[in-house]
Amino acid sequence: MTDRSLIDADLWSRFKAGDRPSFALIYRGHVRALFNFGKQLVDDDDLLSDSIQELFIYIWEKRGSLGDTDNIRYYLFKALRRRLIEAVARERRSAQTHEAIGALHEAEDSIEQILIRHQADAELKSLLRQALQQLTKRQREAIFLRFFGKMSFQEVADIMSLTLKSTYNLISKALEELRKHFPMLLVGIAALLA
């Protein structure tokens, strides 16, 4: 187990035992990343915020029956993705709004925001926007989870309900597409992720 895994396992264990400060640490430590991830999936900020709040209410209320984890971020990302899929399905079935949610949000805005914070170079920003427009929504989601969510290939596969081989292929094709059209962009991204 890595240090992060040990810390997450201990924090999760204390949270499950009813420790409110541990719950607060989990919330504060992951709410922004959950929101950024959720923006990759839905356009509706209200639905996203509600889903995140409902997720945290649910895990607090059900903490005694939750399984153990040594990767809290992975656990929360997967739970939020499932919750958003269910919420979108509910919205569509209820037809309360004409089109409250898009199927998937264009991922480049959030990914750009992450990169821009680390890189002020306007040319890299422009190249990134062009590059991301070349990718499919699934490729953008996989790239976001793998490189910006710092998830393993297996975690990406689980979150996206794909096989491990399909995940490797999806990310490989996305990187190949980026490499083909924007070879200098990958050098800039590699420098940012190092």
C-alpha atoms as a PDB file:
ATOM      1  CA  MET A   1       0.000   0.000   0.000  1.00  0.00           C
ATOM      2  CA  THR A   2       1.194   3.494  -0.777  1.00  0.00           C
ATOM      3  CA  ASP A   3       1.293   6.272   1.809  1.00  0.00           C
ATOM      4  CA  ARG A   4      -1.799   7.804   0.210  1.00  0.00           C
ATOM      5  CA  SER A   5      -3.598   4.461   0.422  1.00  0.00           C
ATOM      6  CA  LEU A   6      -2.731   4.119   4.096  1.00  0.00           C
ATOM      7  CA  ILE A   7      -3.875   7.662   4.843  1.00  0.00           C
ATOM      8  CA  ASP A   8      -7.100   7.162   2.877  1.00  0.00           C
ATOM      9  CA  ALA A   9      -7.787   3.798   4.545  1.00  0.00           C
ATOM     10  CA  ASP A  10      -7.307   5.301   8.016  1.00  0.00           C
ATOM     11  CA  LEU A  11      -9.364   8.412   7.252  1.00  0.00           C
ATOM     12  CA  TRP A  12     -12.175   6.297   5.762  1.00  0.00           C
ATOM     13  CA  SER A  13     -12.133   3.986   8.767  1.00  0.00           C
ATOM     14  CA  ARG A  14     -12.444   6.919  11.180  1.00  0.00           C
ATOM     15  CA  PHE A  15     -15.229   8.422   9.067  1.00  0.00           C
ATOM     16  CA  LYS A  16     -17.122   5.108   9.056  1.00  0.00           C
ATOM     17  CA  ALA A  17     -16.837   5.049  12.853  1.00  0.00           C
ATOM     18  CA  GLY A  18     -18.709   8.372  12.978  1.00  0.00           C
ATOM     19  CA  ASP A  19     -15.805  10.809  13.284  1.00  0.00           C
ATOM     20  CA  ARG A  20     -17.203  14.150  12.035  1.00  0.00           C
ATOM     21  CA  PRO A  21     -13.790  15.835  11.547  1.00  0.00           C
ATOM     22  CA  SER A  22     -12.779  12.944   9.267  1.00  0.00           C
ATOM     23  CA  PHE A  23     -15.973  13.403   7.274  1.00  0.00           C
ATOM     24  CA  ALA A  24     -15.246  17.128   6.983  1.00  0.00           C
ATOM     25  CA  LEU A  25     -11.704  16.368   5.742  1.00  0.00           C
ATOM     26  CA  ILE A  26     -13.083  14.009   3.113  1.00  0.00           C
ATOM     27  CA  TYR A  27     -15.602  16.621   1.994  1.00  0.00           C
ATOM     28  CA  ARG A  28     -13.138  19.513   1.844  1.00  0.00           C
ATOM     29  CA  GLY A  29     -10.470  17.367   0.228  1.00  0.00           C
ATOM     30  CA  HIS A  30     -12.633  16.110  -2.621  1.00  0.00           C
ATOM     31  CA  VAL A  31     -15.595  18.419  -3.283  1.00  0.00           C
ATOM     32  CA  ARG A  32     -13.769  20.627  -5.825  1.00  0.00           C
ATOM     33  CA  ALA A  33     -12.362  17.624  -7.731  1.00  0.00           C
ATOM     34  CA  LEU A  34     -15.825  16.040  -7.746  1.00  0.00           C
ATOM     35  CA  PHE A  35     -17.333  19.218  -9.162  1.00  0.00           C
ATOM     36  CA  ASN A  36     -14.666  19.455 -11.883  1.00  0.00           C
ATOM     37  CA  PHE A  37     -15.186  15.796 -12.760  1.00  0.00           C
ATOM     38  CA  GLY A  38     -18.978  16.184 -12.770  1.00  0.00           C
ATOM     39  CA  LYS A  39     -18.688  19.127 -15.175  1.00  0.00           C
ATOM     40  CA  GLN A  40     -17.261  16.652 -17.683  1.00  0.00           C
ATOM     41  CA  LEU A  41     -20.527  14.717 -17.526  1.00  0.00           C
ATOM     42  CA  VAL A  42     -23.366  17.255 -17.160  1.00  0.00           C
ATOM     43  CA  ASP A  43     -24.107  20.857 -18.071  1.00  0.00           C
ATOM     44  CA  ASP A  44     -26.472  21.552 -15.176  1.00  0.00           C
ATOM     45  CA  ASP A  45     -24.514  23.079 -12.264  1.00  0.00           C
ATOM     46  CA  ASP A  46     -27.553  22.850  -9.962  1.00  0.00           C
ATOM     47  CA  LEU A  47     -28.012  19.143 -10.682  1.00  0.00           C
ATOM     48  CA  LEU A  48     -24.292  18.588 -10.193  1.00  0.00           C
ATOM     49  CA  SER A  49     -24.174  20.480  -6.883  1.00  0.00           C
ATOM     50  CA  ASP A  50     -27.287  18.684  -5.649  1.00  0.00           C
ATOM     51  CA  SER A  51     -25.836  15.315  -6.641  1.00  0.00           C
ATOM     52  CA  ILE A  52     -22.585  16.012  -4.799  1.00  0.00           C
ATOM     53  CA  GLN A  53     -24.488  17.112  -1.675  1.00  0.00           C
ATOM     54  CA  GLU A  54     -26.762  14.068  -1.883  1.00  0.00           C
ATOM     55  CA  LEU A  55     -23.717  11.837  -2.264  1.00  0.00           C
ATOM     56  CA  PHE A  56     -22.147  13.212   0.904  1.00  0.00           C
ATOM     57  CA  ILE A  57     -25.444  12.991   2.799  1.00  0.00           C
ATOM     58  CA  TYR A  58     -25.851   9.410   1.635  1.00  0.00           C
ATOM     59  CA  ILE A  59     -22.366   8.313   2.656  1.00  0.00           C
ATOM     60  CA  TRP A  60     -22.766   9.981   6.055  1.00  0.00           C
ATOM     61  CA  GLU A  61     -26.111   8.299   6.683  1.00  0.00           C
ATOM     62  CA  LYS A  62     -24.915   4.918   5.394  1.00  0.00           C
ATOM     63  CA  ARG A  63     -21.365   5.099   6.721  1.00  0.00           C
ATOM     64  CA  GLY A  64     -21.794   2.052   8.928  1.00  0.00           C
ATOM     65  CA  SER A  65     -22.665  -0.175   5.990  1.00  0.00           C
ATOM     66  CA  LEU A  66     -20.188   1.210   3.447  1.00  0.00           C
ATOM     67  CA  GLY A  67     -17.318  -0.942   2.292  1.00  0.00           C
ATOM     68  CA  ASP A  68     -13.707  -0.175   3.058  1.00  0.00           C
ATOM     69  CA  THR A  69     -11.544   1.748   0.619  1.00  0.00           C
ATOM     70  CA  ASP A  70      -7.938   2.813   0.384  1.00  0.00           C
ATOM     71  CA  ASN A  71      -8.659   5.328  -2.383  1.00  0.00           C
ATOM     72  CA  ILE A  72     -11.357   7.799  -1.342  1.00  0.00           C
ATOM     73  CA  ARG A  73     -11.174   9.872  -4.547  1.00  0.00           C
ATOM     74  CA  TYR A  74     -11.755   6.798  -6.706  1.00  0.00           C
ATOM     75  CA  TYR A  75     -14.676   5.731  -4.514  1.00  0.00           C
ATOM     76  CA  LEU A  76     -16.292   9.181  -4.671  1.00  0.00           C
ATOM     77  CA  PHE A  77     -15.719   9.658  -8.422  1.00  0.00           C
ATOM     78  CA  LYS A  78     -17.344   6.310  -9.172  1.00  0.00           C
ATOM     79  CA  ALA A  79     -20.273   7.014  -6.815  1.00  0.00           C
ATOM     80  CA  LEU A  80     -20.827  10.494  -8.286  1.00  0.00           C
ATOM     81  CA  ARG A  81     -20.729   9.194 -11.849  1.00  0.00           C
ATOM     82  CA  ARG A  82     -23.372   6.578 -10.997  1.00  0.00           C
ATOM     83  CA  ARG A  83     -25.502   9.186  -9.205  1.00  0.00           C
ATOM     84  CA  LEU A  84     -25.292  11.595 -12.157  1.00  0.00           C
ATOM     85  CA  ILE A  85     -26.260   8.907 -14.640  1.00  0.00           C
ATOM     86  CA  GLU A  86     -29.296   8.077 -12.497  1.00  0.00           C
ATOM     87  CA  ALA A  87     -30.180  11.768 -12.116  1.00  0.00           C
ATOM     88  CA  VAL A  88     -29.953  12.383 -15.858  1.00  0.00           C
ATOM     89  CA  ALA A  89     -32.181   9.369 -16.494  1.00  0.00           C
ATOM     90  CA  ARG A  90     -34.692  10.675 -13.920  1.00  0.00           C
ATOM     91  CA  GLU A  91     -34.661  14.137 -15.501  1.00  0.00           C
ATOM     92  CA  ARG A  92     -35.251  12.710 -18.925  1.00  0.00           C
ATOM     93  CA  ARG A  93     -38.050  10.427 -17.727  1.00  0.00           C
ATOM     94  CA  SER A  94     -39.815  13.180 -15.814  1.00  0.00           C
ATOM     95  CA  ALA A  95     -39.542  15.676 -18.681  1.00  0.00           C
ATOM     96  CA  GLN A  96     -39.799  18.545 -16.142  1.00  0.00           C
ATOM     97  CA  THR A  97     -37.545  20.674 -18.274  1.00  0.00           C
ATOM     98  CA  HIS A  98     -37.222  20.743 -22.034  1.00  0.00           C
ATOM     99  CA  GLU A  99     -33.553  19.915 -21.995  1.00  0.00           C
ATOM    100  CA  ALA A 100     -32.129  20.536 -18.519  1.00  0.00           C
ATOM    101  CA  ILE A 101     -29.047  18.478 -19.153  1.00  0.00           C
ATOM    102  CA  GLY A 102     -26.903  17.774 -22.187  1.00  0.00           C
ATOM    103  CA  ALA A 103     -25.773  14.170 -22.692  1.00  0.00           C
ATOM    104  CA  LEU A 104     -22.177  15.109 -22.005  1.00  0.00           C
ATOM    105  CA  HIS A 105     -20.541  18.490 -21.498  1.00  0.00           C
ATOM    106  CA  GLU A 106     -17.661  19.558 -23.693  1.00  0.00           C
ATOM    107  CA  ALA A 107     -14.717  18.655 -21.476  1.00  0.00           C
ATOM    108  CA  GLU A 108     -12.191  21.149 -22.800  1.00  0.00           C
ATOM    109  CA  ASP A 109     -13.261  24.042 -20.518  1.00  0.00           C
ATOM    110  CA  SER A 110     -12.412  22.317 -17.251  1.00  0.00           C
ATOM    111  CA  ILE A 111      -9.320  20.629 -18.605  1.00  0.00           C
ATOM    112  CA  GLU A 112      -8.189  23.978 -19.982  1.00  0.00           C
ATOM    113  CA  GLN A 113      -8.765  25.602 -16.619  1.00  0.00           C
ATOM    114  CA  ILE A 114      -6.569  23.000 -14.944  1.00  0.00           C
ATOM    115  CA  LEU A 115      -3.786  23.437 -17.490  1.00  0.00           C
ATOM    116  CA  ILE A 116      -4.054  27.228 -17.599  1.00  0.00           C
ATOM    117  CA  ARG A 117      -3.526  27.417 -13.840  1.00  0.00           C
ATOM    118  CA  HIS A 118      -0.193  25.672 -14.351  1.00  0.00           C
ATOM    119  CA  GLN A 119       0.737  27.216 -17.672  1.00  0.00           C
ATOM    120  CA  ALA A 120       0.320  30.854 -18.671  1.00  0.00           C
ATOM    121  CA  ASP A 121       1.414  30.255 -22.263  1.00  0.00           C
ATOM    122  CA  ALA A 122      -1.456  31.379 -24.510  1.00  0.00           C
ATOM    123  CA  GLU A 123      -0.225  29.233 -27.392  1.00  0.00           C
ATOM    124  CA  LEU A 124      -0.528  26.061 -25.312  1.00  0.00           C
ATOM    125  CA  LYS A 125      -4.070  27.058 -24.366  1.00  0.00           C
ATOM    126  CA  SER A 126      -5.000  27.517 -28.017  1.00  0.00           C
ATOM    127  CA  LEU A 127      -3.397  24.224 -29.028  1.00  0.00           C
ATOM    128  CA  LEU A 128      -5.134  22.396 -26.203  1.00  0.00           C
ATOM    129  CA  ARG A 129      -8.551  23.721 -27.230  1.00  0.00           C
ATOM    130  CA  GLN A 130      -7.968  22.613 -30.804  1.00  0.00           C
ATOM    131  CA  ALA A 131      -6.660  19.239 -29.688  1.00  0.00           C
ATOM    132  CA  LEU A 132      -9.551  18.457 -27.367  1.00  0.00           C
ATOM    133  CA  GLN A 133     -12.052  19.282 -30.094  1.00  0.00           C
ATOM    134  CA  GLN A 134     -10.519  16.437 -32.084  1.00  0.00           C
ATOM    135  CA  LEU A 135     -11.357  13.903 -29.339  1.00  0.00           C
ATOM    136  CA  THR A 136     -14.646  12.176 -28.690  1.00  0.00           C
ATOM    137  CA  LYS A 137     -16.484  12.863 -25.438  1.00  0.00           C
ATOM    138  CA  ARG A 138     -15.496   9.421 -24.112  1.00  0.00           C
ATOM    139  CA  GLN A 139     -11.848  10.090 -24.954  1.00  0.00           C
ATOM    140  CA  ARG A 140     -11.969  13.448 -23.158  1.00  0.00           C
ATOM    141  CA  GLU A 141     -13.551  11.821 -20.095  1.00  0.00           C
ATOM    142  CA  ALA A 142     -10.882   9.088 -20.043  1.00  0.00           C
ATOM    143  CA  ILE A 143      -8.055  11.629 -20.487  1.00  0.00           C
ATOM    144  CA  PHE A 144      -9.494  13.763 -17.677  1.00  0.00           C
ATOM    145  CA  LEU A 145      -9.748  10.807 -15.275  1.00  0.00           C
ATOM    146  CA  ARG A 146      -6.351   9.344 -16.135  1.00  0.00           C
ATOM    147  CA  PHE A 147      -4.207  12.459 -16.226  1.00  0.00           C
ATOM    148  CA  PHE A 148      -6.052  15.112 -14.251  1.00  0.00           C
ATOM    149  CA  GLY A 149      -7.908  12.839 -11.838  1.00  0.00           C
ATOM    150  CA  LYS A 150      -4.667  10.860 -11.432  1.00  0.00           C
ATOM    151  CA  MET A 151      -6.552   7.576 -11.696  1.00  0.00           C
ATOM    152  CA  SER A 152      -5.017   4.245 -12.673  1.00  0.00           C
ATOM    153  CA  PHE A 153      -6.151   2.578 -15.880  1.00  0.00           C
ATOM    154  CA  GLN A 154      -8.162   0.094 -13.799  1.00  0.00           C
ATOM    155  CA  GLU A 155      -9.891   2.904 -11.915  1.00  0.00           C
ATOM    156  CA  VAL A 156     -10.742   4.660 -15.191  1.00  0.00           C
ATOM    157  CA  ALA A 157     -12.106   1.374 -16.539  1.00  0.00           C
ATOM    158  CA  ASP A 158     -14.257   0.863 -13.461  1.00  0.00           C
ATOM    159  CA  ILE A 159     -15.612   4.409 -13.416  1.00  0.00           C
ATOM    160  CA  MET A 160     -16.440   4.360 -17.117  1.00  0.00           C
ATOM    161  CA  SER A 161     -17.765   0.771 -17.026  1.00  0.00           C
ATOM    162  CA  LEU A 162     -15.203  -0.424 -19.559  1.00  0.00           C
ATOM    163  CA  THR A 163     -12.849  -3.368 -19.683  1.00  0.00           C
ATOM    164  CA  LEU A 164      -9.232  -2.657 -18.876  1.00  0.00           C
ATOM    165  CA  LYS A 165      -8.252  -3.403 -22.483  1.00  0.00           C
ATOM    166  CA  SER A 166     -10.920  -1.012 -23.815  1.00  0.00           C
ATOM    167  CA  THR A 167      -9.619   1.674 -21.462  1.00  0.00           C
ATOM    168  CA  TYR A 168      -6.047   1.228 -22.699  1.00  0.00           C
ATOM    169  CA  ASN A 169      -7.326   1.406 -26.287  1.00  0.00           C
ATOM    170  CA  LEU A 170      -9.494   4.476 -25.634  1.00  0.00           C
ATOM    171  CA  ILE A 171      -6.674   6.443 -23.990  1.00  0.00           C
ATOM    172  CA  SER A 172      -4.130   5.221 -26.533  1.00  0.00           C
ATOM    173  CA  LYS A 173      -6.310   6.357 -29.435  1.00  0.00           C
ATOM    174  CA  ALA A 174      -6.896   9.717 -27.760  1.00  0.00           C
ATOM    175  CA  LEU A 175      -3.155  10.250 -27.269  1.00  0.00           C
ATOM    176  CA  GLU A 176      -2.489   9.073 -30.819  1.00  0.00           C
ATOM    177  CA  GLU A 177      -5.014  11.603 -32.120  1.00  0.00           C
ATOM    178  CA  LEU A 178      -3.386  14.356 -30.084  1.00  0.00           C
ATOM    179  CA  ARG A 179       0.078  13.279 -31.200  1.00  0.00           C
ATOM    180  CA  LYS A 180      -0.979  13.160 -34.854  1.00  0.00           C
ATOM    181  CA  HIS A 181      -2.526  16.627 -34.953  1.00  0.00           C
ATOM    182  CA  PHE A 182      -0.670  18.432 -32.200  1.00  0.00           C
ATOM    183  CA  PRO A 183       2.814  16.944 -31.579  1.00  0.00           C
ATOM    184  CA  MET A 184       4.090  20.005 -29.695  1.00  0.00           C
ATOM    185  CA  LEU A 185       1.076  19.982 -27.354  1.00  0.00           C
ATOM    186  CA  LEU A 186       2.116  16.660 -25.819  1.00  0.00           C
ATOM    187  CA  VAL A 187       5.553  18.085 -24.980  1.00  0.00           C
ATOM    188  CA  GLY A 188       3.831  20.965 -23.134  1.00  0.00           C
ATOM    189  CA  ILE A 189       1.396  18.662 -21.329  1.00  0.00           C
ATOM    190  CA  ALA A 190       4.205  16.277 -20.335  1.00  0.00           C
ATOM    191  CA  ALA A 191       6.119  19.207 -18.835  1.00  0.00           C
ATOM    192  CA  LEU A 192       3.035  20.269 -16.864  1.00  0.00           C
ATOM    193  CA  LEU A 193       2.358  16.772 -15.521  1.00  0.00           C
ATOM    194  CA  ALA A 194       5.984  16.170 -14.517  1.00  0.00           C
END
